[in-house]
N, C-alpha and C. Protein backbone atom coordinates (compact mmCIF):
# COMPACT_ATOMS: atom_id res chain seq x y z
N MET A 1 -14.22 7.18 17.05
CA MET A 1 -15.48 7.54 17.65
C MET A 1 -16.23 8.48 16.71
N ALA A 2 -17.50 8.28 16.56
CA ALA A 2 -18.31 9.10 15.67
C ALA A 2 -18.55 10.49 16.27
N ARG A 3 -18.67 11.45 15.38
CA ARG A 3 -18.95 12.82 15.83
C ARG A 3 -20.43 12.95 16.16
N LYS A 4 -20.71 13.88 17.05
CA LYS A 4 -22.11 14.20 17.35
C LYS A 4 -22.66 14.98 16.16
N PRO A 5 -23.93 14.80 15.85
CA PRO A 5 -24.51 15.51 14.71
C PRO A 5 -24.33 17.03 14.78
N ALA A 6 -24.38 17.60 15.95
CA ALA A 6 -24.27 19.05 16.11
C ALA A 6 -22.84 19.55 15.90
N SER A 7 -21.86 18.65 15.94
CA SER A 7 -20.47 19.08 15.81
C SER A 7 -20.02 19.21 14.36
N ARG A 8 -20.83 18.80 13.41
CA ARG A 8 -20.47 18.91 12.00
C ARG A 8 -20.46 20.38 11.58
N ILE A 9 -19.47 20.75 10.83
CA ILE A 9 -19.34 22.14 10.39
C ILE A 9 -20.40 22.41 9.33
N VAL A 10 -21.24 23.40 9.60
CA VAL A 10 -22.29 23.78 8.66
C VAL A 10 -21.65 24.56 7.53
N GLY A 11 -22.09 24.29 6.32
CA GLY A 11 -21.55 25.01 5.18
C GLY A 11 -20.23 24.46 4.69
N GLU A 12 -19.89 23.25 5.08
CA GLU A 12 -18.64 22.63 4.68
C GLU A 12 -18.60 22.37 3.17
N PHE A 13 -19.76 22.05 2.59
CA PHE A 13 -19.87 21.78 1.17
C PHE A 13 -21.05 22.54 0.58
N ALA A 14 -20.93 22.85 -0.69
CA ALA A 14 -22.05 23.40 -1.45
C ALA A 14 -22.52 22.28 -2.38
N LEU A 15 -23.81 22.19 -2.58
CA LEU A 15 -24.37 21.14 -3.44
C LEU A 15 -24.80 21.75 -4.76
N PHE A 16 -24.52 21.02 -5.85
CA PHE A 16 -24.83 21.50 -7.19
C PHE A 16 -25.61 20.45 -7.97
N ASP A 17 -26.50 20.93 -8.84
CA ASP A 17 -27.17 20.09 -9.82
C ASP A 17 -26.45 20.29 -11.14
N VAL A 18 -26.14 19.18 -11.81
CA VAL A 18 -25.39 19.25 -13.06
C VAL A 18 -26.24 18.64 -14.17
N VAL A 19 -26.37 19.36 -15.29
CA VAL A 19 -27.05 18.85 -16.48
C VAL A 19 -25.98 18.65 -17.54
N TYR A 20 -25.96 17.47 -18.14
CA TYR A 20 -24.95 17.13 -19.14
C TYR A 20 -25.50 17.32 -20.55
N GLU A 21 -24.60 17.36 -21.54
CA GLU A 21 -24.97 17.58 -22.94
C GLU A 21 -25.97 16.55 -23.47
N ASP A 22 -25.93 15.33 -22.94
CA ASP A 22 -26.86 14.29 -23.41
C ASP A 22 -28.23 14.38 -22.74
N GLY A 23 -28.43 15.38 -21.86
CA GLY A 23 -29.71 15.59 -21.20
C GLY A 23 -29.83 14.94 -19.84
N SER A 24 -28.85 14.14 -19.44
CA SER A 24 -28.91 13.50 -18.12
C SER A 24 -28.58 14.53 -17.04
N GLN A 25 -29.02 14.25 -15.83
CA GLN A 25 -28.82 15.17 -14.71
C GLN A 25 -28.32 14.41 -13.50
N ARG A 26 -27.43 15.02 -12.76
CA ARG A 26 -26.95 14.50 -11.48
C ARG A 26 -27.20 15.59 -10.44
N SER A 27 -27.76 15.22 -9.32
CA SER A 27 -28.10 16.18 -8.28
C SER A 27 -27.19 16.03 -7.07
N ASN A 28 -27.08 17.11 -6.33
CA ASN A 28 -26.36 17.15 -5.05
C ASN A 28 -24.90 16.73 -5.17
N ARG A 29 -24.22 17.23 -6.19
CA ARG A 29 -22.78 17.00 -6.32
C ARG A 29 -22.08 17.92 -5.34
N ARG A 30 -21.21 17.37 -4.50
CA ARG A 30 -20.57 18.11 -3.42
C ARG A 30 -19.30 18.82 -3.90
N VAL A 31 -19.18 20.10 -3.53
CA VAL A 31 -18.01 20.92 -3.83
C VAL A 31 -17.62 21.63 -2.53
N PRO A 32 -16.35 21.59 -2.15
CA PRO A 32 -15.94 22.29 -0.92
C PRO A 32 -16.30 23.77 -0.99
N ALA A 33 -16.98 24.25 0.03
CA ALA A 33 -17.45 25.64 0.07
C ALA A 33 -16.29 26.63 0.09
N ALA A 34 -15.14 26.23 0.59
CA ALA A 34 -13.99 27.13 0.66
C ALA A 34 -13.52 27.57 -0.72
N LEU A 35 -13.78 26.77 -1.74
CA LEU A 35 -13.37 27.12 -3.10
C LEU A 35 -14.27 28.16 -3.74
N LEU A 36 -15.43 28.41 -3.15
CA LEU A 36 -16.43 29.27 -3.76
C LEU A 36 -16.48 30.66 -3.16
N ASP A 37 -15.48 31.04 -2.38
CA ASP A 37 -15.48 32.32 -1.68
C ASP A 37 -14.97 33.49 -2.52
N GLY A 38 -14.29 33.22 -3.62
CA GLY A 38 -13.64 34.29 -4.38
C GLY A 38 -14.58 35.04 -5.30
N LEU A 39 -13.99 35.85 -6.16
CA LEU A 39 -14.75 36.66 -7.10
C LEU A 39 -15.40 35.85 -8.21
N ASP A 40 -14.89 34.63 -8.45
CA ASP A 40 -15.43 33.78 -9.50
C ASP A 40 -16.75 33.13 -9.13
N LYS A 41 -17.18 33.30 -7.89
CA LYS A 41 -18.43 32.74 -7.36
C LYS A 41 -18.48 31.23 -7.57
N ASP A 42 -19.40 30.72 -8.40
CA ASP A 42 -19.59 29.27 -8.55
C ASP A 42 -18.75 28.66 -9.67
N GLU A 43 -17.99 29.45 -10.41
CA GLU A 43 -17.23 28.92 -11.54
C GLU A 43 -16.19 27.87 -11.14
N PRO A 44 -15.50 27.99 -9.99
CA PRO A 44 -14.56 26.94 -9.60
C PRO A 44 -15.23 25.57 -9.40
N ALA A 45 -16.52 25.57 -9.15
CA ALA A 45 -17.24 24.30 -8.96
C ALA A 45 -17.21 23.46 -10.23
N ARG A 46 -17.22 24.11 -11.39
CA ARG A 46 -17.18 23.39 -12.67
C ARG A 46 -15.91 22.54 -12.77
N GLY A 47 -14.77 23.11 -12.40
CA GLY A 47 -13.51 22.38 -12.44
C GLY A 47 -13.49 21.20 -11.48
N VAL A 48 -14.02 21.41 -10.28
CA VAL A 48 -14.07 20.33 -9.28
C VAL A 48 -14.97 19.21 -9.77
N ILE A 49 -16.12 19.55 -10.31
CA ILE A 49 -17.06 18.53 -10.78
C ILE A 49 -16.50 17.82 -12.01
N MET A 50 -15.80 18.54 -12.89
CA MET A 50 -15.18 17.88 -14.04
C MET A 50 -14.12 16.88 -13.59
N GLU A 51 -13.36 17.22 -12.55
CA GLU A 51 -12.36 16.30 -12.02
C GLU A 51 -13.05 15.07 -11.41
N GLN A 52 -14.14 15.28 -10.68
CA GLN A 52 -14.89 14.15 -10.14
C GLN A 52 -15.40 13.25 -11.27
N ASP A 53 -15.90 13.88 -12.35
CA ASP A 53 -16.40 13.12 -13.50
C ASP A 53 -15.29 12.30 -14.15
N ARG A 54 -14.08 12.89 -14.25
CA ARG A 54 -12.95 12.15 -14.83
C ARG A 54 -12.62 10.92 -14.00
N GLU A 55 -12.62 11.06 -12.69
CA GLU A 55 -12.33 9.93 -11.81
C GLU A 55 -13.39 8.85 -11.94
N ILE A 56 -14.65 9.26 -11.99
CA ILE A 56 -15.75 8.30 -12.14
C ILE A 56 -15.65 7.60 -13.48
N ALA A 57 -15.37 8.35 -14.55
CA ALA A 57 -15.26 7.78 -15.89
C ALA A 57 -14.10 6.79 -15.96
N GLU A 58 -12.99 7.11 -15.31
CA GLU A 58 -11.83 6.23 -15.31
C GLU A 58 -12.17 4.90 -14.65
N LYS A 59 -12.89 4.96 -13.55
CA LYS A 59 -13.25 3.74 -12.83
C LYS A 59 -14.30 2.92 -13.57
N SER A 60 -15.21 3.60 -14.28
CA SER A 60 -16.29 2.89 -14.97
C SER A 60 -15.91 2.45 -16.38
N GLY A 61 -14.84 3.05 -16.93
CA GLY A 61 -14.43 2.70 -18.29
C GLY A 61 -15.22 3.42 -19.37
N ARG A 62 -16.01 4.42 -18.98
CA ARG A 62 -16.79 5.21 -19.93
C ARG A 62 -16.18 6.60 -20.05
N PRO A 63 -16.36 7.26 -21.19
CA PRO A 63 -15.83 8.63 -21.31
C PRO A 63 -16.65 9.61 -20.47
N PRO A 64 -16.01 10.65 -19.94
CA PRO A 64 -16.76 11.65 -19.16
C PRO A 64 -17.69 12.45 -20.07
N LEU A 65 -18.82 12.86 -19.52
CA LEU A 65 -19.80 13.64 -20.28
C LEU A 65 -19.47 15.13 -20.16
N ALA A 66 -19.81 15.89 -21.20
CA ALA A 66 -19.61 17.34 -21.18
C ALA A 66 -20.73 17.99 -20.37
N ILE A 67 -20.38 18.96 -19.55
CA ILE A 67 -21.35 19.66 -18.71
C ILE A 67 -22.04 20.75 -19.53
N LYS A 68 -23.37 20.72 -19.53
CA LYS A 68 -24.15 21.73 -20.22
C LYS A 68 -24.45 22.91 -19.30
N SER A 69 -24.94 22.61 -18.09
CA SER A 69 -25.23 23.68 -17.14
C SER A 69 -24.99 23.20 -15.71
N LEU A 70 -24.80 24.18 -14.84
CA LEU A 70 -24.45 23.92 -13.45
C LEU A 70 -25.19 24.94 -12.60
N SER A 71 -25.90 24.46 -11.56
CA SER A 71 -26.61 25.38 -10.67
C SER A 71 -26.61 24.81 -9.26
N ARG A 72 -26.71 25.71 -8.30
CA ARG A 72 -26.75 25.24 -6.91
C ARG A 72 -28.05 24.50 -6.65
N SER A 73 -27.96 23.43 -5.88
CA SER A 73 -29.14 22.66 -5.52
C SER A 73 -29.98 23.45 -4.54
N SER A 74 -31.29 23.35 -4.68
CA SER A 74 -32.15 23.99 -3.71
C SER A 74 -32.25 23.08 -2.49
N VAL A 75 -32.29 23.67 -1.33
CA VAL A 75 -32.32 22.92 -0.09
C VAL A 75 -33.78 22.83 0.37
N ALA A 76 -34.24 21.60 0.59
CA ALA A 76 -35.61 21.39 1.07
C ALA A 76 -35.69 21.78 2.54
N LYS A 77 -36.68 22.57 2.89
CA LYS A 77 -36.86 22.98 4.27
C LYS A 77 -37.83 22.04 4.95
N LYS A 78 -37.55 21.76 6.22
CA LYS A 78 -38.40 20.84 6.99
C LYS A 78 -39.51 21.60 7.66
């Protein structure tokens, strides 16, 4: 049975924009918010996103790209 929209845990994930060395950008990459609570702030997100990139590269047969910069995605307000 599907969950009601209001029952979803708010803040479950943090969204990040990633810019790669070749200039390409990926937006709204999901990282579990629980990993970002420590003193390292957003640095653990880099490791999670690199692991996601490795999995994607493995499936696509292309080498993973090097991350140039990482920043939290801005949330559009309604």
